[in-house]
Amino acid sequence: MDRIETLAAGAGGVVVVALLVALLAPGALSGPPAERDPGRVDIADATIQPQDIGGQTVELRVNTTLRHRGNPSRDVSVRLQAIDAESGLLATTQTVSVDELRGERERIVPATLSVDREGGYRIETVVYQDGRRVDTGRQQVSGLQALVPAYARTPITFADERTLPPLGVAVREASGDQTTLDATALLTNQGSTQPANVSVQLTVRQADSNLVADRASADVAAIRPGRTAETTMTVSVPSEYNYYIDGVLRKDGVIVDTTRTAVNLDPSERLAVNETSRDVALEVSDFERDRPTAGADDGAEMEGDSGSATPGFGVPVAALALALGGLFARRRLS
């Protein structure tokens, strides 16, 4: 019996020592704490907005919304690439480092890409965490040529009316081989101010030869916001021919709008203006990710990662195993 009591006491001592070790050094019986693992980062959304618009280039402001879950993440960066939609060549790239991400929240990461103001681009977004690519996405942007530079902006445009053409032409006088025409430009102020230094220029071209027959220009008087006004110019051309009249609207010497009409002075042939045109407008597609958006399963997984669970069995299980081992040994000896 002395031997049995000695073994039982030894087993009890092992249990006590194991409990002390588990309390003083929790990592001895379990895996590394979850707090050491970085959280999870992915892309929630991204938007593109034009900023500074120049004559040849435009700056695109790209706001990438990052979603963070779990423990703090320190080494995170976002790389943006603008790839030409037609040639597939890389136009420009930029990498932005992100400050430490904490908690279950979203953060907007702004960046600016400078590209040519023509054609379209594919904006590629890549998120890196600890040097590893963790998420990617893309957007399409087209019609940048439709953006008007700041120096060329004016609310004055040629009127776009169904019943009244932007350029109206009337014969003032016809004598011999010359015809004098009055050309009236119909202009509308679509803004809220009265811009200055606006002028209209007319160029009359003979339809068959494309030779310039005459030119005229005039300054545009002040037009109140929301109103339409007329500016009339006089040109003289040879009779018995057909002509195109091109109207050019300028603001501080910069072309801001154009229009065209036809004048038929040859009774044997009629000339018409091709009114078919295609409007170009800025278009930005929705943001597309390379993998599905994180769902409920991902959230449950992150909750498990951010808790106190570890790959080990934990203190209670280890203590129970040692106690059962001692009792089993005592039973066999008895």
C-alpha atoms as a PDB file:
ATOM      1  CA  MET A   1       0.000   0.000   0.000  1.00  0.00           C
ATOM      2  CA  ASP A   2       2.891   2.307   0.561  1.00  0.00           C
ATOM      3  CA  ARG A   3       3.857   1.956  -3.059  1.00  0.00           C
ATOM      4  CA  ILE A   4       0.320   2.761  -4.208  1.00  0.00           C
ATOM      5  CA  GLU A   5       0.090   5.815  -2.007  1.00  0.00           C
ATOM      6  CA  THR A   6       3.454   7.020  -3.282  1.00  0.00           C
ATOM      7  CA  LEU A   7       2.358   6.721  -6.926  1.00  0.00           C
ATOM      8  CA  ALA A   8      -0.933   8.494  -6.211  1.00  0.00           C
ATOM      9  CA  ALA A   9       0.872  11.340  -4.479  1.00  0.00           C
ATOM     10  CA  GLY A  10       3.250  11.595  -7.424  1.00  0.00           C
ATOM     11  CA  ALA A  11       0.348  11.815  -9.868  1.00  0.00           C
ATOM     12  CA  GLY A  12      -1.258  14.523  -7.777  1.00  0.00           C
ATOM     13  CA  GLY A  13       2.014  16.437  -7.748  1.00  0.00           C
ATOM     14  CA  VAL A  14       2.216  16.233 -11.548  1.00  0.00           C
ATOM     15  CA  VAL A  15      -1.293  17.689 -11.811  1.00  0.00           C
ATOM     16  CA  VAL A  16      -0.377  20.590  -9.509  1.00  0.00           C
ATOM     17  CA  VAL A  17       2.816  21.344 -11.445  1.00  0.00           C
ATOM     18  CA  ALA A  18       0.929  21.218 -14.757  1.00  0.00           C
ATOM     19  CA  LEU A  19      -1.674  23.653 -13.480  1.00  0.00           C
ATOM     20  CA  LEU A  20       0.992  26.063 -12.247  1.00  0.00           C
ATOM     21  CA  VAL A  21       2.810  25.931 -15.588  1.00  0.00           C
ATOM     22  CA  ALA A  22      -0.454  26.477 -17.476  1.00  0.00           C
ATOM     23  CA  LEU A  23      -1.319  29.519 -15.356  1.00  0.00           C
ATOM     24  CA  LEU A  24       2.129  31.109 -15.526  1.00  0.00           C
ATOM     25  CA  ALA A  25       2.823  30.262 -19.197  1.00  0.00           C
ATOM     26  CA  PRO A  26      -0.443  29.749 -21.112  1.00  0.00           C
ATOM     27  CA  GLY A  27       1.442  29.080 -24.349  1.00  0.00           C
ATOM     28  CA  ALA A  28       3.059  25.967 -22.921  1.00  0.00           C
ATOM     29  CA  LEU A  29      -0.066  23.849 -23.355  1.00  0.00           C
ATOM     30  CA  SER A  30      -1.653  25.642 -26.322  1.00  0.00           C
ATOM     31  CA  GLY A  31      -0.676  27.196 -29.626  1.00  0.00           C
ATOM     32  CA  PRO A  32       0.436  30.798 -30.109  1.00  0.00           C
ATOM     33  CA  PRO A  33      -2.156  33.438 -29.173  1.00  0.00           C
ATOM     34  CA  ALA A  34      -4.481  34.628 -31.951  1.00  0.00           C
ATOM     35  CA  GLU A  35      -3.531  38.233 -31.201  1.00  0.00           C
ATOM     36  CA  ARG A  36      -0.248  37.670 -33.012  1.00  0.00           C
ATOM     37  CA  ASP A  37      -1.966  36.991 -36.356  1.00  0.00           C
ATOM     38  CA  PRO A  38      -2.837  40.082 -38.492  1.00  0.00           C
ATOM     39  CA  GLY A  39      -6.436  40.789 -39.411  1.00  0.00           C
ATOM     40  CA  ARG A  40      -8.057  40.399 -42.787  1.00  0.00           C
ATOM     41  CA  VAL A  41      -8.130  43.183 -45.417  1.00  0.00           C
ATOM     42  CA  ASP A  42     -10.123  43.312 -48.664  1.00  0.00           C
ATOM     43  CA  ILE A  43     -11.689  45.846 -51.046  1.00  0.00           C
ATOM     44  CA  ALA A  44     -15.247  46.946 -50.266  1.00  0.00           C
ATOM     45  CA  ASP A  45     -15.635  49.444 -53.138  1.00  0.00           C
ATOM     46  CA  ALA A  46     -13.804  51.987 -55.306  1.00  0.00           C
ATOM     47  CA  THR A  47     -14.815  55.226 -57.064  1.00  0.00           C
ATOM     48  CA  ILE A  48     -13.199  57.366 -59.789  1.00  0.00           C
ATOM     49  CA  GLN A  49     -13.661  61.115 -60.159  1.00  0.00           C
ATOM     50  CA  PRO A  50     -11.876  63.549 -62.511  1.00  0.00           C
ATOM     51  CA  GLN A  51      -9.987  66.341 -60.760  1.00  0.00           C
ATOM     52  CA  ASP A  52      -7.698  68.798 -62.570  1.00  0.00           C
ATOM     53  CA  ILE A  53      -8.546  68.791 -66.295  1.00  0.00           C
ATOM     54  CA  GLY A  54      -5.895  70.158 -68.635  1.00  0.00           C
ATOM     55  CA  GLY A  55      -5.604  70.444 -72.368  1.00  0.00           C
ATOM     56  CA  GLN A  56      -3.781  67.116 -72.778  1.00  0.00           C
ATOM     57  CA  THR A  57      -4.032  65.359 -69.412  1.00  0.00           C
ATOM     58  CA  VAL A  58      -6.535  64.781 -66.642  1.00  0.00           C
ATOM     59  CA  GLU A  59      -6.005  63.740 -63.041  1.00  0.00           C
ATOM     60  CA  LEU A  60      -8.264  60.942 -61.837  1.00  0.00           C
ATOM     61  CA  ARG A  61      -8.979  60.727 -58.122  1.00  0.00           C
ATOM     62  CA  VAL A  62      -9.375  57.051 -57.170  1.00  0.00           C
ATOM     63  CA  ASN A  63     -10.877  56.362 -53.732  1.00  0.00           C
ATOM     64  CA  THR A  64     -10.423  52.756 -52.652  1.00  0.00           C
ATOM     65  CA  THR A  65     -12.488  51.631 -49.660  1.00  0.00           C
ATOM     66  CA  LEU A  66     -10.695  48.945 -47.631  1.00  0.00           C
ATOM     67  CA  ARG A  67     -12.588  46.692 -45.239  1.00  0.00           C
ATOM     68  CA  HIS A  68     -10.693  45.420 -42.176  1.00  0.00           C
ATOM     69  CA  ARG A  69     -11.590  42.661 -39.730  1.00  0.00           C
ATOM     70  CA  GLY A  70      -9.842  41.022 -36.826  1.00  0.00           C
ATOM     71  CA  ASN A  71      -6.529  41.925 -35.224  1.00  0.00           C
ATOM     72  CA  PRO A  72      -4.489  45.041 -36.152  1.00  0.00           C
ATOM     73  CA  SER A  73      -2.841  45.012 -39.600  1.00  0.00           C
ATOM     74  CA  ARG A  74       0.261  47.115 -40.125  1.00  0.00           C
ATOM     75  CA  ASP A  75       1.962  46.282 -43.445  1.00  0.00           C
ATOM     76  CA  VAL A  76      -0.840  47.149 -45.932  1.00  0.00           C
ATOM     77  CA  SER A  77      -0.502  48.960 -49.282  1.00  0.00           C
ATOM     78  CA  VAL A  78      -2.655  49.679 -52.347  1.00  0.00           C
ATOM     79  CA  ARG A  79      -1.225  49.672 -55.887  1.00  0.00           C
ATOM     80  CA  LEU A  80      -3.132  51.381 -58.711  1.00  0.00           C
ATOM     81  CA  GLN A  81      -2.426  50.910 -62.429  1.00  0.00           C
ATOM     82  CA  ALA A  82      -3.953  52.727 -65.413  1.00  0.00           C
ATOM     83  CA  ILE A  83      -3.819  50.466 -68.489  1.00  0.00           C
ATOM     84  CA  ASP A  84      -4.740  51.777 -71.947  1.00  0.00           C
ATOM     85  CA  ALA A  85      -8.011  50.105 -72.989  1.00  0.00           C
ATOM     86  CA  GLU A  86      -6.989  49.795 -76.659  1.00  0.00           C
ATOM     87  CA  SER A  87      -3.267  48.997 -76.599  1.00  0.00           C
ATOM     88  CA  GLY A  88      -3.120  47.278 -73.211  1.00  0.00           C
ATOM     89  CA  LEU A  89       0.009  49.259 -72.342  1.00  0.00           C
ATOM     90  CA  LEU A  90       0.651  50.527 -68.829  1.00  0.00           C
ATOM     91  CA  ALA A  91       0.049  54.291 -68.741  1.00  0.00           C
ATOM     92  CA  THR A  92       0.884  55.050 -65.114  1.00  0.00           C
ATOM     93  CA  THR A  93       1.021  53.426 -61.685  1.00  0.00           C
ATOM     94  CA  GLN A  94       1.027  54.508 -58.047  1.00  0.00           C
ATOM     95  CA  THR A  95       1.428  52.707 -54.723  1.00  0.00           C
ATOM     96  CA  VAL A  96      -0.030  54.089 -51.485  1.00  0.00           C
ATOM     97  CA  SER A  97       0.992  52.839 -48.039  1.00  0.00           C
ATOM     98  CA  VAL A  98      -1.816  52.499 -45.500  1.00  0.00           C
ATOM     99  CA  ASP A  99      -1.485  53.300 -41.806  1.00  0.00           C
ATOM    100  CA  GLU A 100      -2.244  50.599 -39.263  1.00  0.00           C
ATOM    101  CA  LEU A 101      -5.753  49.203 -39.602  1.00  0.00           C
ATOM    102  CA  ARG A 102      -7.637  48.334 -36.419  1.00  0.00           C
ATOM    103  CA  GLY A 103     -11.040  46.968 -35.554  1.00  0.00           C
ATOM    104  CA  GLU A 104     -14.013  46.043 -37.695  1.00  0.00           C
ATOM    105  CA  ARG A 105     -14.251  49.103 -39.900  1.00  0.00           C
ATOM    106  CA  GLU A 106     -13.686  50.571 -43.370  1.00  0.00           C
ATOM    107  CA  ARG A 107     -11.125  53.134 -44.482  1.00  0.00           C
ATOM    108  CA  ILE A 108     -10.956  55.176 -47.701  1.00  0.00           C
ATOM    109  CA  VAL A 109      -7.513  55.274 -49.343  1.00  0.00           C
ATOM    110  CA  PRO A 110      -7.236  58.166 -51.857  1.00  0.00           C
ATOM    111  CA  ALA A 111      -4.792  58.245 -54.784  1.00  0.00           C
ATOM    112  CA  THR A 112      -4.364  60.317 -57.970  1.00  0.00           C
ATOM    113  CA  LEU A 113      -3.502  59.034 -61.440  1.00  0.00           C
ATOM    114  CA  SER A 114      -2.509  61.422 -64.256  1.00  0.00           C
ATOM    115  CA  VAL A 115      -3.481  60.140 -67.733  1.00  0.00           C
ATOM    116  CA  ASP A 116      -3.931  61.544 -71.240  1.00  0.00           C
ATOM    117  CA  ARG A 117      -7.311  63.157 -71.886  1.00  0.00           C
ATOM    118  CA  GLU A 118      -8.295  60.802 -74.676  1.00  0.00           C
ATOM    119  CA  GLY A 119      -9.508  57.244 -75.101  1.00  0.00           C
ATOM    120  CA  GLY A 120     -10.173  55.052 -72.090  1.00  0.00           C
ATOM    121  CA  TYR A 121      -8.364  53.120 -69.390  1.00  0.00           C
ATOM    122  CA  ARG A 122      -8.708  50.072 -67.174  1.00  0.00           C
ATOM    123  CA  ILE A 123      -7.907  50.948 -63.569  1.00  0.00           C
ATOM    124  CA  GLU A 124      -6.444  47.929 -61.763  1.00  0.00           C
ATOM    125  CA  THR A 125      -6.433  47.935 -57.932  1.00  0.00           C
ATOM    126  CA  VAL A 126      -4.273  45.501 -55.946  1.00  0.00           C
ATOM    127  CA  VAL A 127      -4.122  45.272 -52.130  1.00  0.00           C
ATOM    128  CA  TYR A 128      -1.000  43.862 -50.451  1.00  0.00           C
ATOM    129  CA  GLN A 129      -0.696  42.687 -46.847  1.00  0.00           C
ATOM    130  CA  ASP A 130       2.713  41.681 -45.478  1.00  0.00           C
ATOM    131  CA  GLY A 131       3.979  41.569 -49.066  1.00  0.00           C
ATOM    132  CA  ARG A 132       1.208  39.199 -50.170  1.00  0.00           C
ATOM    133  CA  ARG A 133      -1.538  40.018 -52.662  1.00  0.00           C
ATOM    134  CA  VAL A 134      -4.814  39.644 -50.771  1.00  0.00           C
ATOM    135  CA  ASP A 135      -7.398  41.243 -53.080  1.00  0.00           C
ATOM    136  CA  THR A 136      -7.705  42.738 -56.581  1.00  0.00           C
ATOM    137  CA  GLY A 137     -10.347  44.581 -58.620  1.00  0.00           C
ATOM    138  CA  ARG A 138     -10.826  46.791 -61.653  1.00  0.00           C
ATOM    139  CA  GLN A 139     -12.894  49.565 -63.222  1.00  0.00           C
ATOM    140  CA  GLN A 140     -13.275  50.936 -66.751  1.00  0.00           C
ATOM    141  CA  VAL A 141     -13.231  54.652 -67.548  1.00  0.00           C
ATOM    142  CA  SER A 142     -13.881  56.034 -71.052  1.00  0.00           C
ATOM    143  CA  GLY A 143     -14.832  59.261 -72.826  1.00  0.00           C
ATOM    144  CA  LEU A 144     -12.192  61.407 -71.147  1.00  0.00           C
ATOM    145  CA  GLN A 145     -12.055  63.612 -74.260  1.00  0.00           C
ATOM    146  CA  ALA A 146     -15.535  64.843 -73.348  1.00  0.00           C
ATOM    147  CA  LEU A 147     -14.140  66.580 -70.264  1.00  0.00           C
ATOM    148  CA  VAL A 148     -13.743  70.320 -70.810  1.00  0.00           C
ATOM    149  CA  PRO A 149     -10.549  71.960 -69.489  1.00  0.00           C
ATOM    150  CA  ALA A 150     -11.027  74.742 -66.964  1.00  0.00           C
ATOM    151  CA  TYR A 151      -9.712  77.397 -69.336  1.00  0.00           C
ATOM    152  CA  ALA A 152     -12.281  76.441 -71.998  1.00  0.00           C
ATOM    153  CA  ARG A 153     -15.402  76.374 -69.853  1.00  0.00           C
ATOM    154  CA  THR A 154     -18.189  78.790 -70.677  1.00  0.00           C
ATOM    155  CA  PRO A 155     -21.974  78.565 -70.327  1.00  0.00           C
ATOM    156  CA  ILE A 156     -22.450  80.195 -73.765  1.00  0.00           C
ATOM    157  CA  THR A 157     -23.220  77.613 -76.476  1.00  0.00           C
ATOM    158  CA  PHE A 158     -24.906  77.470 -79.861  1.00  0.00           C
ATOM    159  CA  ALA A 159     -28.623  77.006 -79.321  1.00  0.00           C
ATOM    160  CA  ASP A 160     -29.910  73.455 -79.706  1.00  0.00           C
ATOM    161  CA  GLU A 161     -33.487  73.987 -80.829  1.00  0.00           C
ATOM    162  CA  ARG A 162     -35.655  71.821 -83.084  1.00  0.00           C
ATOM    163  CA  THR A 163     -37.420  74.707 -84.796  1.00  0.00           C
ATOM    164  CA  LEU A 164     -34.590  77.280 -84.828  1.00  0.00           C
ATOM    165  CA  PRO A 165     -31.202  76.276 -86.276  1.00  0.00           C
ATOM    166  CA  PRO A 166     -28.054  77.508 -84.441  1.00  0.00           C
ATOM    167  CA  LEU A 167     -27.009  79.210 -87.687  1.00  0.00           C
ATOM    168  CA  GLY A 168     -29.634  80.960 -89.796  1.00  0.00           C
ATOM    169  CA  VAL A 169     -28.751  82.351 -93.248  1.00  0.00           C
ATOM    170  CA  ALA A 170     -30.686  84.908 -95.321  1.00  0.00           C
ATOM    171  CA  VAL A 171     -29.889  86.575 -98.645  1.00  0.00           C
ATOM    172  CA  ARG A 172     -29.400  90.300 -98.182  1.00  0.00           C
ATOM    173  CA  GLU A 173     -28.458  91.199-101.752  1.00  0.00           C
ATOM    174  CA  ALA A 174     -27.785  89.377-105.039  1.00  0.00           C
ATOM    175  CA  SER A 175     -26.173  91.376-107.829  1.00  0.00           C
ATOM    176  CA  GLY A 176     -24.382  89.935-110.832  1.00  0.00           C
ATOM    177  CA  ASP A 177     -22.043  87.159-109.785  1.00  0.00           C
ATOM    178  CA  GLN A 178     -21.936  88.047-106.058  1.00  0.00           C
ATOM    179  CA  THR A 179     -24.397  87.269-103.267  1.00  0.00           C
ATOM    180  CA  THR A 180     -24.395  88.917 -99.847  1.00  0.00           C
ATOM    181  CA  LEU A 181     -25.605  86.774 -96.962  1.00  0.00           C
ATOM    182  CA  ASP A 182     -26.641  87.617 -93.397  1.00  0.00           C
ATOM    183  CA  ALA A 183     -25.677  84.757 -91.067  1.00  0.00           C
ATOM    184  CA  THR A 184     -27.225  84.828 -87.589  1.00  0.00           C
ATOM    185  CA  ALA A 185     -25.801  82.741 -84.750  1.00  0.00           C
ATOM    186  CA  LEU A 186     -28.293  81.778 -82.077  1.00  0.00           C
ATOM    187  CA  LEU A 187     -26.523  81.588 -78.691  1.00  0.00           C
ATOM    188  CA  THR A 188     -27.791  80.444 -75.287  1.00  0.00           C
ATOM    189  CA  ASN A 189     -26.388  81.144 -71.826  1.00  0.00           C
ATOM    190  CA  GLN A 190     -26.880  77.876 -69.922  1.00  0.00           C
ATOM    191  CA  GLY A 191     -25.047  79.024 -66.809  1.00  0.00           C
ATOM    192  CA  SER A 192     -25.626  81.379 -63.904  1.00  0.00           C
ATOM    193  CA  THR A 193     -23.140  84.124 -64.860  1.00  0.00           C
ATOM    194  CA  GLN A 194     -22.443  86.403 -67.819  1.00  0.00           C
ATOM    195  CA  PRO A 195     -19.011  85.423 -69.203  1.00  0.00           C
ATOM    196  CA  ALA A 196     -16.857  87.935 -71.058  1.00  0.00           C
ATOM    197  CA  ASN A 197     -14.426  87.649 -73.986  1.00  0.00           C
ATOM    198  CA  VAL A 198     -16.702  85.396 -76.052  1.00  0.00           C
ATOM    199  CA  SER A 199     -16.695  85.665 -79.843  1.00  0.00           C
ATOM    200  CA  VAL A 200     -18.180  83.919 -82.902  1.00  0.00           C
ATOM    201  CA  GLN A 201     -16.303  83.250 -86.131  1.00  0.00           C
ATOM    202  CA  LEU A 202     -17.855  82.129 -89.420  1.00  0.00           C
ATOM    203  CA  THR A 203     -15.976  80.432 -92.234  1.00  0.00           C
ATOM    204  CA  VAL A 204     -17.701  79.967 -95.610  1.00  0.00           C
ATOM    205  CA  ARG A 205     -16.317  77.131 -97.794  1.00  0.00           C
ATOM    206  CA  GLN A 206     -17.282  76.235-101.364  1.00  0.00           C
ATOM    207  CA  ALA A 207     -18.698  72.700-101.185  1.00  0.00           C
ATOM    208  CA  ASP A 208     -16.942  71.175-104.219  1.00  0.00           C
ATOM    209  CA  SER A 209     -13.475  72.696-103.854  1.00  0.00           C
ATOM    210  CA  ASN A 210     -13.495  73.310-100.060  1.00  0.00           C
ATOM    211  CA  LEU A 211     -11.945  76.727-100.765  1.00  0.00           C
ATOM    212  CA  VAL A 212     -12.662  79.506 -98.280  1.00  0.00           C
ATOM    213  CA  ALA A 213     -14.960  82.042 -99.898  1.00  0.00           C
ATOM    214  CA  ASP A 214     -15.271  84.473 -96.977  1.00  0.00           C
ATOM    215  CA  ARG A 215     -14.864  84.896 -93.228  1.00  0.00           C
ATOM    216  CA  ALA A 216     -16.527  87.002 -90.562  1.00  0.00           C
ATOM    217  CA  SER A 217     -16.329  87.373 -86.786  1.00  0.00           C
ATOM    218  CA  ALA A 218     -18.122  89.290 -84.049  1.00  0.00           C
ATOM    219  CA  ASP A 219     -17.945  89.717 -80.294  1.00  0.00           C
ATOM    220  CA  VAL A 220     -20.851  88.288 -78.327  1.00  0.00           C
ATOM    221  CA  ALA A 221     -22.737  90.798 -76.222  1.00  0.00           C
ATOM    222  CA  ALA A 222     -23.598  89.988 -72.619  1.00  0.00           C
ATOM    223  CA  ILE A 223     -26.290  87.317 -72.406  1.00  0.00           C
ATOM    224  CA  ARG A 224     -28.206  86.979 -69.171  1.00  0.00           C
ATOM    225  CA  PRO A 225     -28.341  83.512 -67.588  1.00  0.00           C
ATOM    226  CA  GLY A 226     -30.977  81.301 -69.166  1.00  0.00           C
ATOM    227  CA  ARG A 227     -31.521  83.655 -72.111  1.00  0.00           C
ATOM    228  CA  THR A 228     -30.915  83.262 -75.858  1.00  0.00           C
ATOM    229  CA  ALA A 229     -29.531  86.050 -78.048  1.00  0.00           C
ATOM    230  CA  GLU A 230     -28.583  86.565 -81.696  1.00  0.00           C
ATOM    231  CA  THR A 231     -25.285  87.646 -83.226  1.00  0.00           C
ATOM    232  CA  THR A 232     -25.447  88.562 -86.934  1.00  0.00           C
ATOM    233  CA  MET A 233     -22.538  88.727 -89.409  1.00  0.00           C
ATOM    234  CA  THR A 234     -22.402  89.496 -93.123  1.00  0.00           C
ATOM    235  CA  VAL A 235     -20.452  87.540 -95.753  1.00  0.00           C
ATOM    236  CA  SER A 236     -20.191  87.867 -99.539  1.00  0.00           C
ATOM    237  CA  VAL A 237     -19.695  84.856-101.849  1.00  0.00           C
ATOM    238  CA  PRO A 238     -19.795  84.109-105.605  1.00  0.00           C
ATOM    239  CA  SER A 239     -23.253  83.157-106.861  1.00  0.00           C
ATOM    240  CA  GLU A 240     -24.281  79.872-108.467  1.00  0.00           C
ATOM    241  CA  TYR A 241     -22.384  77.710-105.945  1.00  0.00           C
ATOM    242  CA  ASN A 242     -23.214  75.786-102.805  1.00  0.00           C
ATOM    243  CA  TYR A 243     -21.451  76.468 -99.499  1.00  0.00           C
ATOM    244  CA  TYR A 244     -20.838  75.129 -96.025  1.00  0.00           C
ATOM    245  CA  ILE A 245     -20.811  77.704 -93.226  1.00  0.00           C
ATOM    246  CA  ASP A 246     -18.879  76.640 -90.116  1.00  0.00           C
ATOM    247  CA  GLY A 247     -19.545  78.492 -86.886  1.00  0.00           C
ATOM    248  CA  VAL A 248     -16.909  78.509 -84.139  1.00  0.00           C
ATOM    249  CA  LEU A 249     -17.557  79.836 -80.636  1.00  0.00           C
ATOM    250  CA  ARG A 250     -14.449  80.970 -78.737  1.00  0.00           C
ATOM    251  CA  LYS A 251     -13.800  81.905 -75.106  1.00  0.00           C
ATOM    252  CA  ASP A 252     -10.543  83.796 -74.605  1.00  0.00           C
ATOM    253  CA  GLY A 253      -9.349  82.398 -77.930  1.00  0.00           C
ATOM    254  CA  VAL A 254     -10.193  78.779 -77.027  1.00  0.00           C
ATOM    255  CA  ILE A 255     -12.765  76.869 -79.116  1.00  0.00           C
ATOM    256  CA  VAL A 256     -15.672  75.874 -76.874  1.00  0.00           C
ATOM    257  CA  ASP A 257     -18.405  74.958 -79.395  1.00  0.00           C
ATOM    258  CA  THR A 258     -18.926  74.470 -83.132  1.00  0.00           C
ATOM    259  CA  THR A 259     -21.804  74.103 -85.595  1.00  0.00           C
ATOM    260  CA  ARG A 260     -22.358  73.870 -89.365  1.00  0.00           C
ATOM    261  CA  THR A 261     -25.052  74.693 -91.905  1.00  0.00           C
ATOM    262  CA  ALA A 262     -25.396  74.565 -95.703  1.00  0.00           C
ATOM    263  CA  VAL A 263     -26.307  77.307 -98.205  1.00  0.00           C
ATOM    264  CA  ASN A 264     -27.607  76.332-101.668  1.00  0.00           C
ATOM    265  CA  LEU A 265     -27.048  79.013-104.328  1.00  0.00           C
ATOM    266  CA  ASP A 266     -26.730  76.505-107.204  1.00  0.00           C
ATOM    267  CA  PRO A 267     -30.301  75.821-108.437  1.00  0.00           C
ATOM    268  CA  SER A 268     -29.266  72.567-110.168  1.00  0.00           C
ATOM    269  CA  GLU A 269     -27.854  70.843-107.072  1.00  0.00           C
ATOM    270  CA  ARG A 270     -28.906  70.606-103.458  1.00  0.00           C
ATOM    271  CA  LEU A 271     -26.491  70.402-100.518  1.00  0.00           C
ATOM    272  CA  ALA A 272     -27.367  69.065 -97.084  1.00  0.00           C
ATOM    273  CA  VAL A 273     -25.461  68.845 -93.832  1.00  0.00           C
ATOM    274  CA  ASN A 274     -24.908  65.398 -92.373  1.00  0.00           C
ATOM    275  CA  GLU A 275     -26.597  65.769 -89.010  1.00  0.00           C
ATOM    276  CA  THR A 276     -25.631  62.306 -87.778  1.00  0.00           C
ATOM    277  CA  SER A 277     -23.296  62.650 -84.815  1.00  0.00           C
ATOM    278  CA  ARG A 278     -22.214  60.584 -81.842  1.00  0.00           C
ATOM    279  CA  ASP A 279     -22.046  62.232 -78.462  1.00  0.00           C
ATOM    280  CA  VAL A 280     -19.038  61.352 -76.342  1.00  0.00           C
ATOM    281  CA  ALA A 281     -19.527  61.344 -72.592  1.00  0.00           C
ATOM    282  CA  LEU A 282     -17.466  60.323 -69.600  1.00  0.00           C
ATOM    283  CA  GLU A 283     -18.346  56.804 -68.437  1.00  0.00           C
ATOM    284  CA  VAL A 284     -17.084  54.928 -65.369  1.00  0.00           C
ATOM    285  CA  SER A 285     -18.027  51.278 -64.882  1.00  0.00           C
ATOM    286  CA  ASP A 286     -18.876  49.586 -61.600  1.00  0.00           C
ATOM    287  CA  PHE A 287     -16.015  48.214 -59.537  1.00  0.00           C
ATOM    288  CA  GLU A 288     -15.419  44.502 -60.139  1.00  0.00           C
ATOM    289  CA  ARG A 289     -13.545  42.186 -57.787  1.00  0.00           C
ATOM    290  CA  ASP A 290     -11.712  39.017 -58.770  1.00  0.00           C
ATOM    291  CA  ARG A 291     -13.388  37.033 -56.005  1.00  0.00           C
ATOM    292  CA  PRO A 292     -16.835  37.140 -54.345  1.00  0.00           C
ATOM    293  CA  THR A 293     -17.490  39.610 -51.590  1.00  0.00           C
ATOM    294  CA  ALA A 294     -16.917  38.234 -48.094  1.00  0.00           C
ATOM    295  CA  GLY A 295     -20.128  36.765 -46.693  1.00  0.00           C
ATOM    296  CA  ALA A 296     -21.459  35.410 -43.458  1.00  0.00           C
ATOM    297  CA  ASP A 297     -19.031  32.480 -43.437  1.00  0.00           C
ATOM    298  CA  ASP A 298     -16.064  34.835 -43.656  1.00  0.00           C
ATOM    299  CA  GLY A 299     -17.446  36.890 -40.780  1.00  0.00           C
ATOM    300  CA  ALA A 300     -17.816  33.801 -38.621  1.00  0.00           C
ATOM    301  CA  GLU A 301     -14.286  32.778 -39.505  1.00  0.00           C
ATOM    302  CA  MET A 302     -12.920  36.189 -38.569  1.00  0.00           C
ATOM    303  CA  GLU A 303     -14.795  36.145 -35.279  1.00  0.00           C
ATOM    304  CA  GLY A 304     -13.106  32.855 -34.439  1.00  0.00           C
ATOM    305  CA  ASP A 305      -9.703  34.261 -35.407  1.00  0.00           C
ATOM    306  CA  SER A 306     -10.096  37.366 -33.278  1.00  0.00           C
ATOM    307  CA  GLY A 307     -11.204  35.461 -30.148  1.00  0.00           C
ATOM    308  CA  SER A 308      -9.163  33.608 -27.588  1.00  0.00           C
ATOM    309  CA  ALA A 309      -9.393  30.206 -29.305  1.00  0.00           C
ATOM    310  CA  THR A 310      -6.020  28.569 -30.015  1.00  0.00           C
ATOM    311  CA  PRO A 311      -4.891  25.455 -31.917  1.00  0.00           C
ATOM    312  CA  GLY A 312      -3.986  23.753 -28.537  1.00  0.00           C
ATOM    313  CA  PHE A 313      -6.361  21.936 -26.167  1.00  0.00           C
ATOM    314  CA  GLY A 314      -6.238  24.596 -23.437  1.00  0.00           C
ATOM    315  CA  VAL A 315      -5.668  24.466 -19.676  1.00  0.00           C
ATOM    316  CA  PRO A 316      -8.877  22.663 -18.577  1.00  0.00           C
ATOM    317  CA  VAL A 317      -8.442  19.803 -21.033  1.00  0.00           C
ATOM    318  CA  ALA A 318      -4.781  19.335 -20.093  1.00  0.00           C
ATOM    319  CA  ALA A 319      -5.544  19.297 -16.343  1.00  0.00           C
ATOM    320  CA  LEU A 320      -8.378  16.813 -16.847  1.00  0.00           C
ATOM    321  CA  ALA A 321      -6.137  14.536 -18.910  1.00  0.00           C
ATOM    322  CA  LEU A 322      -3.432  14.490 -16.189  1.00  0.00           C
ATOM    323  CA  ALA A 323      -5.967  13.833 -13.431  1.00  0.00           C
ATOM    324  CA  LEU A 324      -7.546  10.956 -15.351  1.00  0.00           C
ATOM    325  CA  GLY A 325      -4.083   9.554 -16.045  1.00  0.00           C
ATOM    326  CA  GLY A 326      -3.242   9.563 -12.298  1.00  0.00           C
ATOM    327  CA  LEU A 327      -6.516   7.893 -11.353  1.00  0.00           C
ATOM    328  CA  PHE A 328      -6.065   5.262 -14.055  1.00  0.00           C
ATOM    329  CA  ALA A 329      -2.547   4.466 -12.844  1.00  0.00           C
ATOM    330  CA  ARG A 330      -3.711   4.166  -9.207  1.00  0.00           C
ATOM    331  CA  ARG A 331      -6.551   1.830 -10.240  1.00  0.00           C
ATOM    332  CA  ARG A 332      -4.206  -0.490 -12.099  1.00  0.00           C
ATOM    333  CA  LEU A 333      -1.754  -0.658  -9.194  1.00  0.00           C
ATOM    334  CA  SER A 334      -4.570  -1.397  -6.766  1.00  0.00           C
END
